[in-house]
Structure formats: C-alpha cells, structure tokens
Protein backbone atom coordinates (compact mmCIF):
# COMPACT_ATOMS: atom_id res chain seq x y z
CA UNK A 1 0.19 -0.08 -0.11
CA UNK A 2 1.37 3.39 -0.81
CA UNK A 3 2.37 5.92 1.74
CA UNK A 4 -0.35 7.91 2.91
CA UNK A 5 -0.14 11.96 1.74
CA UNK A 6 -0.47 14.11 4.49
CA UNK A 7 -0.62 17.21 3.21
CA UNK A 8 -2.65 19.07 0.15
CA UNK A 9 -0.22 18.81 -2.96
CA UNK A 10 -2.34 21.46 -4.82
CA UNK A 11 -0.39 23.87 -2.78
CA UNK A 12 3.18 23.36 -3.44
CA UNK A 13 5.35 25.59 -5.12
CA UNK A 14 8.04 24.38 -7.37
CA UNK A 15 11.85 24.86 -5.96
CA UNK A 16 14.20 27.29 -7.24
CA UNK A 17 16.38 25.37 -9.21
CA UNK A 18 18.82 27.58 -9.91
CA UNK A 19 19.80 27.80 -6.13
CA UNK A 20 22.74 26.11 -4.54
CA UNK A 21 21.09 23.39 -3.32
CA UNK A 22 20.54 21.58 -7.17
CA UNK A 23 23.94 22.79 -8.52
CA UNK A 24 24.99 19.17 -8.88
CA UNK A 25 22.01 17.89 -10.82
CA UNK A 26 22.09 21.28 -12.76
CA UNK A 27 25.96 21.12 -13.31
CA UNK A 28 25.33 17.74 -14.76
CA UNK A 29 22.71 18.70 -17.37
CA UNK A 30 25.12 21.32 -18.40
CA UNK A 31 27.89 19.28 -18.96
CA UNK A 32 25.63 16.79 -20.69
CA UNK A 33 25.30 19.48 -23.52
CA UNK A 34 22.30 21.63 -22.20
CA UNK A 35 22.24 25.08 -22.02
CA UNK A 36 21.66 26.71 -18.47
CA UNK A 37 18.40 27.56 -19.57
CA UNK A 38 17.67 24.33 -20.78
CA UNK A 39 18.93 22.88 -17.88
CA UNK A 40 16.63 24.90 -15.28
CA UNK A 41 13.77 24.25 -17.55
CA UNK A 42 14.22 20.46 -17.54
CA UNK A 43 14.32 20.43 -13.86
CA UNK A 44 10.92 22.58 -13.91
CA UNK A 45 9.17 20.25 -16.02
CA UNK A 46 10.24 16.99 -14.31
CA UNK A 47 9.30 18.71 -10.90
CA UNK A 48 5.75 19.57 -12.71
CA UNK A 49 5.26 16.28 -14.23
CA UNK A 50 5.95 14.29 -10.89
CA UNK A 51 3.71 17.04 -8.78
CA UNK A 52 0.89 16.34 -11.12
CA UNK A 53 0.99 12.60 -10.61
CA UNK A 54 0.84 13.15 -6.93
CA UNK A 55 -1.99 15.63 -7.18
CA UNK A 56 -3.99 12.82 -8.79
CA UNK A 57 -2.69 10.19 -6.20
CA UNK A 58 -3.82 13.10 -3.67
CA UNK A 59 -7.42 13.87 -5.53
CA UNK A 60 -7.90 9.75 -5.26
CA UNK A 61 -6.92 9.50 -1.86
CA UNK A 62 -9.14 12.50 -0.64
CA UNK A 63 -12.31 11.06 -3.04
CA UNK A 64 -11.58 7.57 -0.72
CA UNK A 65 -12.04 9.25 2.40
CA UNK A 66 -15.22 10.89 1.42
CA UNK A 67 -16.56 7.79 0.47
CA UNK A 68 -15.44 6.23 3.54
CA UNK A 69 -16.73 8.69 5.48
CA UNK A 70 -20.24 8.61 3.89
CA UNK A 71 -20.31 4.83 4.38
CA UNK A 72 -19.65 5.10 8.13
CA UNK A 73 -22.41 7.81 8.24
CA UNK A 74 -24.83 5.60 6.62
CA UNK A 75 -23.84 2.84 8.21
CA UNK A 76 -24.77 4.78 11.61
CA UNK A 77 -28.04 6.24 9.96
CA UNK A 78 -28.82 2.60 9.01
CA UNK A 79 -28.20 1.49 12.24
CA UNK A 80 -29.81 4.15 13.93
CA UNK A 81 -33.20 3.55 12.16
CA UNK A 82 -33.26 -0.18 12.49
CA UNK A 83 -32.96 0.53 16.48
CA UNK A 84 -35.54 2.97 16.31
CA UNK A 85 -38.14 0.90 14.30
CA UNK A 86 -37.05 -2.11 16.65
CA UNK A 87 -38.17 0.02 19.46
CA UNK A 88 -41.13 1.36 17.62
CA UNK A 89 -42.38 -2.57 16.69
CA UNK A 90 -41.72 -3.61 20.63
CA UNK A 91 -43.50 -0.58 21.74
CA UNK A 92 -46.70 -1.06 19.23
CA UNK A 93 -46.97 -4.72 20.59
CA UNK A 94 -46.71 -3.35 24.40
CA UNK A 95 -49.65 -1.38 23.67
CA UNK A 96 -51.36 -4.14 21.64
CA UNK A 97 -50.66 -6.26 24.96
CA UNK A 98 -52.48 -3.74 27.19
CA UNK A 99 -55.37 -3.10 24.87
CA UNK A 100 -56.03 -6.89 24.88
CA UNK A 101 -56.17 -6.99 28.38
CA UNK A 102 -58.62 -3.84 28.65
CA UNK A 103 -62.55 -4.79 29.00
CA UNK A 104 -64.26 -4.29 25.69
CA UNK A 105 -67.33 -2.21 24.48
CA UNK A 106 -69.12 -2.28 21.05
CA UNK A 107 -68.59 0.88 19.14
CA UNK A 108 -71.28 2.69 17.82
CA UNK A 109 -71.46 6.36 16.13
CA UNK A 110 -73.11 9.12 18.32
CA UNK A 111 -71.20 12.60 17.95
CA UNK A 112 -73.02 14.30 21.47
CA UNK A 113 -70.89 15.26 24.32
CA UNK A 114 -71.64 14.69 28.24
CA UNK A 115 -71.74 17.65 30.36
CA UNK A 116 -69.52 18.20 33.63
CA UNK A 117 -71.33 17.67 37.11
CA UNK A 118 -69.90 17.07 40.82
CA UNK A 119 -71.36 13.31 41.73
CA UNK A 120 -71.35 12.10 45.21
CA UNK A 121 -69.19 9.61 46.70
CA UNK A 122 -70.41 6.03 45.73
CA UNK A 123 -69.56 2.38 47.82
CA UNK A 124 -66.24 0.73 46.59
CA UNK A 125 -68.77 -2.02 45.62
CA UNK A 126 -70.52 0.22 43.05
CA UNK A 127 -67.54 2.02 41.58
CA UNK A 128 -65.98 -1.63 41.01
CA UNK A 129 -68.97 -2.75 39.41
CA UNK A 130 -68.99 0.49 36.76
CA UNK A 131 -65.52 0.13 36.25
CA UNK A 132 -65.60 -3.37 34.83
CA UNK A 133 -68.74 -2.08 32.89
CA UNK A 134 -71.16 -4.78 35.20
CA UNK A 135 -74.60 -3.74 35.72
CA UNK A 136 -75.53 -1.84 39.06
CA UNK A 137 -78.31 -0.16 40.71
CA UNK A 138 -78.81 3.48 40.55
CA UNK A 139 -79.12 3.48 44.28
CA UNK A 140 -75.91 3.36 45.15
CA UNK A 141 -75.32 6.56 42.97
CA UNK A 142 -78.29 8.17 44.76
CA UNK A 143 -77.65 10.66 48.26
CA UNK A 144 -79.17 7.76 50.28
CA UNK A 145 -77.36 5.29 48.46
CA UNK A 146 -74.13 7.62 48.93
CA UNK A 147 -75.14 7.93 52.84
CA UNK A 148 -75.54 4.53 53.13
CA UNK A 149 -72.07 3.62 51.92
CA UNK A 150 -70.93 5.93 54.43
CA UNK A 151 -72.51 4.09 56.97
CA UNK A 152 -71.56 0.59 55.78
CA UNK A 153 -67.78 1.78 55.57
CA UNK A 154 -68.00 2.77 59.24
CA UNK A 155 -69.41 -0.44 60.29
CA UNK A 156 -66.90 -3.03 58.28
CA UNK A 157 -64.50 -5.20 60.03
CA UNK A 158 -60.94 -3.80 59.08
CA UNK A 159 -59.90 -7.40 59.40
CA UNK A 160 -62.29 -9.11 56.82
CA UNK A 161 -60.13 -9.29 53.49
CA UNK A 162 -60.84 -11.41 50.50
CA UNK A 163 -59.06 -12.10 47.24
CA UNK A 164 -60.63 -10.49 44.14
CA UNK A 165 -59.16 -9.65 40.53
CA UNK A 166 -57.99 -6.26 39.20
CA UNK A 167 -56.25 -5.70 35.98
CA UNK A 168 -54.72 -9.29 36.02
CA UNK A 169 -53.58 -9.39 39.32
CA UNK A 170 -55.15 -11.26 42.35
CA UNK A 171 -55.12 -8.84 45.56
CA UNK A 172 -56.60 -8.81 48.81
CA UNK A 173 -59.38 -6.37 49.50
CA UNK A 174 -61.87 -5.38 52.49
CA UNK A 175 -64.90 -7.84 51.57
CA UNK A 176 -67.52 -5.50 52.90
CA UNK A 177 -65.99 -3.16 50.24
CA UNK A 178 -67.22 -5.62 47.37
CA UNK A 179 -70.21 -6.93 49.04
CA UNK A 180 -74.08 -5.60 48.07
CA UNK A 181 -75.94 -3.07 50.36
CA UNK A 182 -78.84 -4.78 52.12
CA UNK A 183 -80.81 -1.68 51.67
CA UNK A 184 -80.41 -1.60 48.01
CA UNK A 185 -83.83 -0.40 46.18
CA UNK A 186 -84.50 -1.85 42.70
CA UNK A 187 -84.29 0.45 39.89
CA UNK A 188 -87.82 0.22 39.80
CA UNK A 189 -88.60 1.27 43.19
CA UNK A 190 -87.07 3.98 42.93
CA UNK A 191 -88.57 7.81 43.22
CA UNK A 192 -88.53 9.84 39.93
CA UNK A 193 -86.25 12.26 41.90
CA UNK A 194 -83.89 9.23 43.10
CA UNK A 195 -83.63 8.31 39.53
CA UNK A 196 -82.56 11.56 38.08
CA UNK A 197 -80.19 12.23 40.92
CA UNK A 198 -78.72 8.64 40.54
CA UNK A 199 -78.31 8.63 36.78
CA UNK A 200 -76.25 12.05 37.26
CA UNK A 201 -73.96 10.79 39.43
CA UNK A 202 -73.60 7.51 38.01
CA UNK A 203 -72.92 8.52 34.71
CA UNK A 204 -70.22 11.36 36.24
CA UNK A 205 -68.46 8.70 37.75
CA UNK A 206 -68.50 6.26 34.48
CA UNK A 207 -66.93 9.25 32.68
CA UNK A 208 -64.33 9.59 35.34
CA UNK A 209 -63.92 5.56 35.63
CA UNK A 210 -62.64 5.79 31.72
CA UNK A 211 -65.85 5.19 30.11
CA UNK A 212 -65.67 6.21 26.52
CA UNK A 213 -67.37 9.69 25.51
CA UNK A 214 -69.67 8.04 23.13
CA UNK A 215 -70.72 5.38 25.29
CA UNK A 216 -71.59 8.08 28.49
CA UNK A 217 -73.46 10.17 26.24
CA UNK A 218 -75.72 7.11 24.41
CA UNK A 219 -76.51 6.94 28.16
CA UNK A 220 -77.17 10.90 28.80
CA UNK A 221 -79.33 10.38 25.69
CA UNK A 222 -81.30 7.71 26.92
CA UNK A 223 -82.19 9.80 29.94
CA UNK A 224 -82.92 12.93 28.73
CA UNK A 225 -85.46 11.32 26.48
CA UNK A 226 -86.41 9.64 29.22
CA UNK A 227 -86.94 12.74 31.02
CA UNK A 228 -88.92 14.11 28.07
CA UNK A 229 -90.97 11.40 27.12
CA UNK A 230 -94.67 12.59 26.48
CA UNK A 231 -95.75 10.05 28.66
CA UNK A 232 -95.14 11.92 31.90
CA UNK A 233 -97.78 13.95 31.51
CA UNK A 234 -99.77 10.50 32.18
CA UNK A 235 -101.44 10.16 35.79
CA UNK A 236 -98.75 7.15 36.15
CA UNK A 237 -96.44 8.17 33.34
CA UNK A 238 -93.63 8.15 35.86
CA UNK A 239 -93.84 5.13 37.39
CA UNK A 240 -93.97 3.10 33.62
CA UNK A 241 -90.89 5.04 33.00
CA UNK A 242 -89.29 4.02 35.61
CA UNK A 243 -90.41 0.98 35.18
CA UNK A 244 -89.15 0.78 31.74
CA UNK A 245 -85.44 2.29 32.11
CA UNK A 246 -85.09 -0.53 34.91
C-alpha cells in the first residue's frame, strides 16, 4: 500500500532550481550539453510532471476518504433507523398487549357530548361494578345510596379480607368494600327524583372511570329522552318510565 499523503499537494510551489541546493544536478545537465536555461527548464518540467502525478494520487485519496466517511455515516444512520424501528415495534406490541387486557365495549356512532357535574361518592362495590362495565343499581349513586355507603364503611370489619381480581392480578381487598348493600333499592322502585339524581352521579362516575365519551353520551341521551317523554304527562307516566328504564 502506498504511503498516505498527509498534506495538500495543490499548495506545493516549484523550488528554485537555480539555487545552490540543485547545483550538482544542474551542472550534470549542463555538462551533458544543455544550456543553463535548458537545464533549468528540464528540472522544472520534471518537478511539474511529478507534482501532477502526486496531485492525482492526492485527489484519489481525498475521494476515497469521502466515500469511507459517507459509508460510515450511512451505516450509523442505518443502525439508528433499525434500532428506532425495533423500538417502535416493541412499543406497538406492548400497546397491543395492554389493549388486549382492557375490557371492551361495542363501538357506535354518536357525536353528543357529556356535560360536567360533581357526583357524590358511591360505595366501592358500585364503583367496582361500574369500572368493570357490569350492571349496578342506580340506588348506589343516589344521595341515600352514598349515605348508606358511608355508614357501611364505618361498620365494616377492618380485618375481613378476601381475594379479588384487578387488571389481571389477584389481590387482597376488604370484603365489605365489594359486598352489595342490604338496603339497596331496585331501579323500578326508586322515586323519579332518585332516578334523576342517581343517573347523574352514575354518568359522572362512568366518565371518571374511563368510559368512552360515546358510551356515556348514549346513556345521557337515553335519560334525556326519558325525561322528555310525553308519557310523563299521564297520571302514572313516571312510574311507567321508571319501570321501562329499569
């Protein structure tokens, strides 16, 4: 392998061949029959030709260096892109696994929005049912149901624990916290005002627990239509609608 050129040969300047440094070779040319001018020109021509060859070698070396640097840079970019794609695939797989573990509700098309409201705090039993998309009586979300939850919380035994499943894990939870109230009132036996207050608190809690806007809005629409139903003008209209919504 040829020695690596360490400086730019395009910057080289021809030496002064009339200098005493070159007197020996200059005299040899003169003694061989060259004039002084011809000897100087021969030396300059020889240097110029050699410099041209060296500059070509320099240009090839520079091009090879650029190609090598570009190849290395491209290899680094390719490795970084491959790593990014691998991380993206792993993250996508993780998100897919998380989505698989979530409870699913059938989708539907509805653009109505849900208003904000402050709801009373129902019992852990009711919250657990709602969080897992299971039926739970509206009573638990009425003021009477929330008051009943507070009373039961004060009377529950602190050491009564049981196993329950949460997000794929089995954990210990207070049994009383996941036990239905003995004072629960069936939906059809609620008063009209209790139904209205209960559904408001229930919808607010459903939104807080991560129910989709579409599903919450569907229930909002259902209760709105119930409240505006012409049957309410009848003598037993409210009771009939309470039975219907139950």
